[in-house]
C-alpha cells in the first residue's frame, strides 16, 4: 500500500477508535460488521466474491501483524 494510503487508513482508524474503546465486544463487532457490510454491498455483485476473499486474506495478515502488539489477557 502506498505511503499516502497508509496514512489515510491510520487517520480513519484513529477517528473510529474512540467510538469503539470501552464498548462491549458484541457492540464493537456489530459496529464493525455494519461497516464491512456497507462496504461489501456497495460493490458490484460480480466483484463481491473476489473482494470478500481478498478482504479475508487481508484480515488474516493484519491479525498476524497486530497480535504481538496487543496486551495479553
N, C-alpha and C. Protein backbone atom coordinates (compact mmCIF):
# COMPACT_ATOMS: atom_id res chain seq x y z
N UNK A 1 0.85 -1.17 0.00
CA UNK A 1 0.00 0.00 0.00
C UNK A 1 0.90 1.23 0.00
N UNK A 2 0.57 2.20 -0.82
CA UNK A 2 1.37 3.42 -0.91
C UNK A 2 1.33 4.16 0.42
N UNK A 3 2.43 4.90 0.69
CA UNK A 3 2.54 5.63 1.96
C UNK A 3 1.34 6.51 2.26
N UNK A 4 0.86 7.24 1.24
CA UNK A 4 -0.27 8.14 1.48
C UNK A 4 -1.53 7.36 1.87
N UNK A 5 -1.70 6.16 1.35
CA UNK A 5 -2.87 5.35 1.73
C UNK A 5 -2.70 4.82 3.15
N UNK A 6 -1.50 4.47 3.53
CA UNK A 6 -1.25 4.01 4.90
C UNK A 6 -1.61 5.12 5.87
N UNK A 7 -1.19 6.33 5.58
CA UNK A 7 -1.52 7.47 6.46
C UNK A 7 -3.02 7.73 6.48
N UNK A 8 -3.67 7.61 5.34
CA UNK A 8 -5.12 7.80 5.29
C UNK A 8 -5.84 6.74 6.13
N UNK A 9 -5.41 5.49 6.02
CA UNK A 9 -6.00 4.41 6.80
C UNK A 9 -5.79 4.67 8.29
N UNK A 10 -4.59 5.08 8.67
CA UNK A 10 -4.30 5.36 10.08
C UNK A 10 -5.19 6.48 10.62
N UNK A 11 -5.41 7.52 9.83
CA UNK A 11 -6.30 8.62 10.26
C UNK A 11 -7.72 8.11 10.48
N UNK A 12 -8.21 7.27 9.59
CA UNK A 12 -9.55 6.73 9.73
C UNK A 12 -9.64 5.87 10.99
N UNK A 13 -8.65 4.99 11.18
CA UNK A 13 -8.63 4.13 12.37
C UNK A 13 -8.66 4.97 13.64
N UNK A 14 -7.83 5.99 13.69
CA UNK A 14 -7.77 6.83 14.89
C UNK A 14 -9.06 7.59 15.12
N UNK A 15 -9.81 7.90 14.06
CA UNK A 15 -11.09 8.60 14.24
C UNK A 15 -12.18 7.65 14.72
N UNK A 16 -12.08 6.37 14.38
CA UNK A 16 -13.08 5.38 14.79
C UNK A 16 -12.78 4.82 16.18
N UNK A 17 -11.52 4.67 16.50
CA UNK A 17 -11.10 4.03 17.75
C UNK A 17 -11.82 4.57 19.00
N UNK A 18 -11.97 5.87 19.19
CA UNK A 18 -12.64 6.36 20.42
C UNK A 18 -14.10 5.91 20.52
N UNK A 19 -14.73 5.67 19.38
CA UNK A 19 -16.14 5.23 19.40
C UNK A 19 -16.28 3.76 19.80
N UNK A 20 -15.21 2.98 19.63
CA UNK A 20 -15.24 1.56 19.98
C UNK A 20 -14.63 1.29 21.35
N UNK A 21 -13.73 2.15 21.78
CA UNK A 21 -13.00 1.94 23.03
C UNK A 21 -13.95 1.81 24.22
N UNK A 22 -13.74 0.77 25.00
CA UNK A 22 -14.52 0.58 26.21
C UNK A 22 -15.89 -0.02 26.00
N UNK A 23 -16.27 -0.24 24.76
CA UNK A 23 -17.58 -0.84 24.48
C UNK A 23 -17.45 -2.36 24.59
N UNK A 24 -18.55 -3.03 24.92
CA UNK A 24 -18.51 -4.50 24.99
C UNK A 24 -18.16 -5.09 23.62
N UNK A 25 -17.54 -6.26 23.62
CA UNK A 25 -17.14 -6.89 22.35
C UNK A 25 -18.30 -7.05 21.37
N UNK A 26 -19.51 -7.36 21.88
CA UNK A 26 -20.64 -7.54 20.97
C UNK A 26 -21.05 -6.23 20.29
N UNK A 27 -20.86 -5.11 20.96
CA UNK A 27 -21.15 -3.79 20.35
C UNK A 27 -20.06 -3.46 19.32
N UNK A 28 -18.81 -3.68 19.69
CA UNK A 28 -17.71 -3.44 18.76
C UNK A 28 -17.88 -4.28 17.50
N UNK A 29 -18.16 -5.56 17.67
CA UNK A 29 -18.28 -6.43 16.49
C UNK A 29 -19.48 -6.06 15.64
N UNK A 30 -20.58 -5.65 16.25
CA UNK A 30 -21.76 -5.25 15.47
C UNK A 30 -21.46 -3.98 14.66
N UNK A 31 -20.76 -3.03 15.27
CA UNK A 31 -20.42 -1.80 14.55
C UNK A 31 -19.47 -2.10 13.39
N UNK A 32 -18.47 -2.93 13.63
CA UNK A 32 -17.53 -3.29 12.56
C UNK A 32 -18.22 -4.10 11.47
N UNK A 33 -19.13 -5.01 11.86
CA UNK A 33 -19.87 -5.80 10.89
C UNK A 33 -20.72 -4.91 10.00
N UNK A 34 -21.33 -3.89 10.59
CA UNK A 34 -22.14 -2.95 9.80
C UNK A 34 -21.27 -2.21 8.78
N UNK A 35 -20.11 -1.76 9.20
CA UNK A 35 -19.20 -1.08 8.27
C UNK A 35 -18.76 -2.00 7.14
N UNK A 36 -18.41 -3.23 7.48
CA UNK A 36 -17.97 -4.19 6.45
C UNK A 36 -19.13 -4.49 5.50
N UNK A 37 -20.32 -4.66 6.03
CA UNK A 37 -21.48 -4.94 5.20
C UNK A 37 -21.75 -3.78 4.23
N UNK A 38 -21.65 -2.57 4.72
CA UNK A 38 -21.86 -1.40 3.85
C UNK A 38 -20.81 -1.36 2.74
N UNK A 39 -19.57 -1.68 3.08
CA UNK A 39 -18.51 -1.74 2.06
C UNK A 39 -18.83 -2.83 1.05
N UNK A 40 -19.20 -4.01 1.55
CA UNK A 40 -19.44 -5.17 0.69
C UNK A 40 -20.58 -4.92 -0.30
N UNK A 41 -21.72 -4.50 0.19
CA UNK A 41 -22.87 -4.30 -0.70
C UNK A 41 -22.72 -3.07 -1.57
N UNK A 42 -21.77 -2.21 -1.23
CA UNK A 42 -21.50 -1.03 -2.06
C UNK A 42 -20.72 -1.35 -3.32
N UNK A 43 -20.27 -2.60 -3.45
CA UNK A 43 -19.54 -3.04 -4.63
C UNK A 43 -20.45 -3.84 -5.55
N UNK A 44 -20.10 -3.86 -6.82
CA UNK A 44 -20.89 -4.58 -7.81
C UNK A 44 -20.98 -6.06 -7.43
N UNK A 45 -22.17 -6.66 -7.55
CA UNK A 45 -22.34 -8.06 -7.17
C UNK A 45 -21.34 -9.01 -7.83
N UNK A 46 -20.93 -8.73 -9.04
CA UNK A 46 -19.99 -9.62 -9.71
C UNK A 46 -18.58 -9.55 -9.10
N UNK A 47 -18.29 -8.50 -8.36
CA UNK A 47 -16.98 -8.34 -7.74
C UNK A 47 -16.93 -8.84 -6.31
N UNK A 48 -18.07 -9.05 -5.72
CA UNK A 48 -18.13 -9.30 -4.28
C UNK A 48 -17.38 -10.54 -3.82
N UNK A 49 -17.49 -11.66 -4.52
CA UNK A 49 -16.83 -12.88 -4.08
C UNK A 49 -15.31 -12.69 -4.05
N UNK A 50 -14.76 -12.08 -5.08
CA UNK A 50 -13.32 -11.84 -5.12
C UNK A 50 -12.90 -10.85 -4.04
N UNK A 51 -13.66 -9.77 -3.89
CA UNK A 51 -13.34 -8.78 -2.87
C UNK A 51 -13.39 -9.40 -1.47
N UNK A 52 -14.37 -10.26 -1.24
CA UNK A 52 -14.51 -10.91 0.06
C UNK A 52 -13.29 -11.77 0.37
N UNK A 53 -12.87 -12.56 -0.61
CA UNK A 53 -11.68 -13.41 -0.42
C UNK A 53 -10.44 -12.57 -0.14
N UNK A 54 -10.27 -11.51 -0.90
CA UNK A 54 -9.12 -10.62 -0.68
C UNK A 54 -9.18 -9.98 0.69
N UNK A 55 -10.37 -9.57 1.10
CA UNK A 55 -10.53 -8.92 2.40
C UNK A 55 -10.21 -9.89 3.54
N UNK A 56 -10.67 -11.14 3.44
CA UNK A 56 -10.37 -12.14 4.47
C UNK A 56 -8.88 -12.40 4.56
N UNK A 57 -8.19 -12.45 3.42
CA UNK A 57 -6.73 -12.62 3.44
C UNK A 57 -6.06 -11.42 4.13
N UNK A 58 -6.55 -10.23 3.83
CA UNK A 58 -6.00 -9.03 4.45
C UNK A 58 -6.19 -9.06 5.96
N UNK A 59 -7.38 -9.43 6.40
CA UNK A 59 -7.65 -9.52 7.84
C UNK A 59 -6.72 -10.53 8.50
N UNK A 60 -6.53 -11.69 7.88
CA UNK A 60 -5.63 -12.70 8.44
C UNK A 60 -4.21 -12.17 8.53
N UNK A 61 -3.75 -11.48 7.49
CA UNK A 61 -2.41 -10.90 7.51
C UNK A 61 -2.28 -9.85 8.61
N UNK A 62 -3.30 -9.02 8.75
CA UNK A 62 -3.27 -7.98 9.78
C UNK A 62 -3.31 -8.59 11.18
N UNK A 63 -4.04 -9.69 11.34
CA UNK A 63 -4.07 -10.36 12.65
C UNK A 63 -2.67 -10.79 13.05
N UNK A 64 -1.97 -11.41 12.11
CA UNK A 64 -0.60 -11.85 12.39
C UNK A 64 0.30 -10.67 12.75
N UNK A 65 0.09 -9.56 12.08
CA UNK A 65 0.92 -8.38 12.29
C UNK A 65 0.57 -7.66 13.60
N UNK A 66 -0.72 -7.60 13.94
CA UNK A 66 -1.18 -6.81 15.09
C UNK A 66 -1.12 -7.56 16.41
N UNK A 67 -1.29 -8.87 16.38
CA UNK A 67 -1.38 -9.63 17.63
C UNK A 67 -0.20 -9.42 18.57
N UNK A 68 1.03 -9.39 18.08
CA UNK A 68 2.15 -9.19 19.02
C UNK A 68 2.11 -7.84 19.74
N UNK A 69 1.38 -6.88 19.21
CA UNK A 69 1.34 -5.56 19.82
C UNK A 69 0.27 -5.41 20.87
N UNK A 70 -0.64 -6.37 20.93
CA UNK A 70 -1.74 -6.27 21.90
C UNK A 70 -1.34 -6.88 23.23
N UNK A 71 -1.83 -6.28 24.31
CA UNK A 71 -1.52 -6.86 25.63
C UNK A 71 -2.18 -8.23 25.77
N UNK A 72 -1.51 -9.14 26.44
CA UNK A 72 -2.07 -10.47 26.71
C UNK A 72 -3.12 -10.36 27.78
N UNK A 73 -4.22 -11.05 27.61
CA UNK A 73 -5.31 -11.03 28.59
C UNK A 73 -5.28 -12.28 29.41
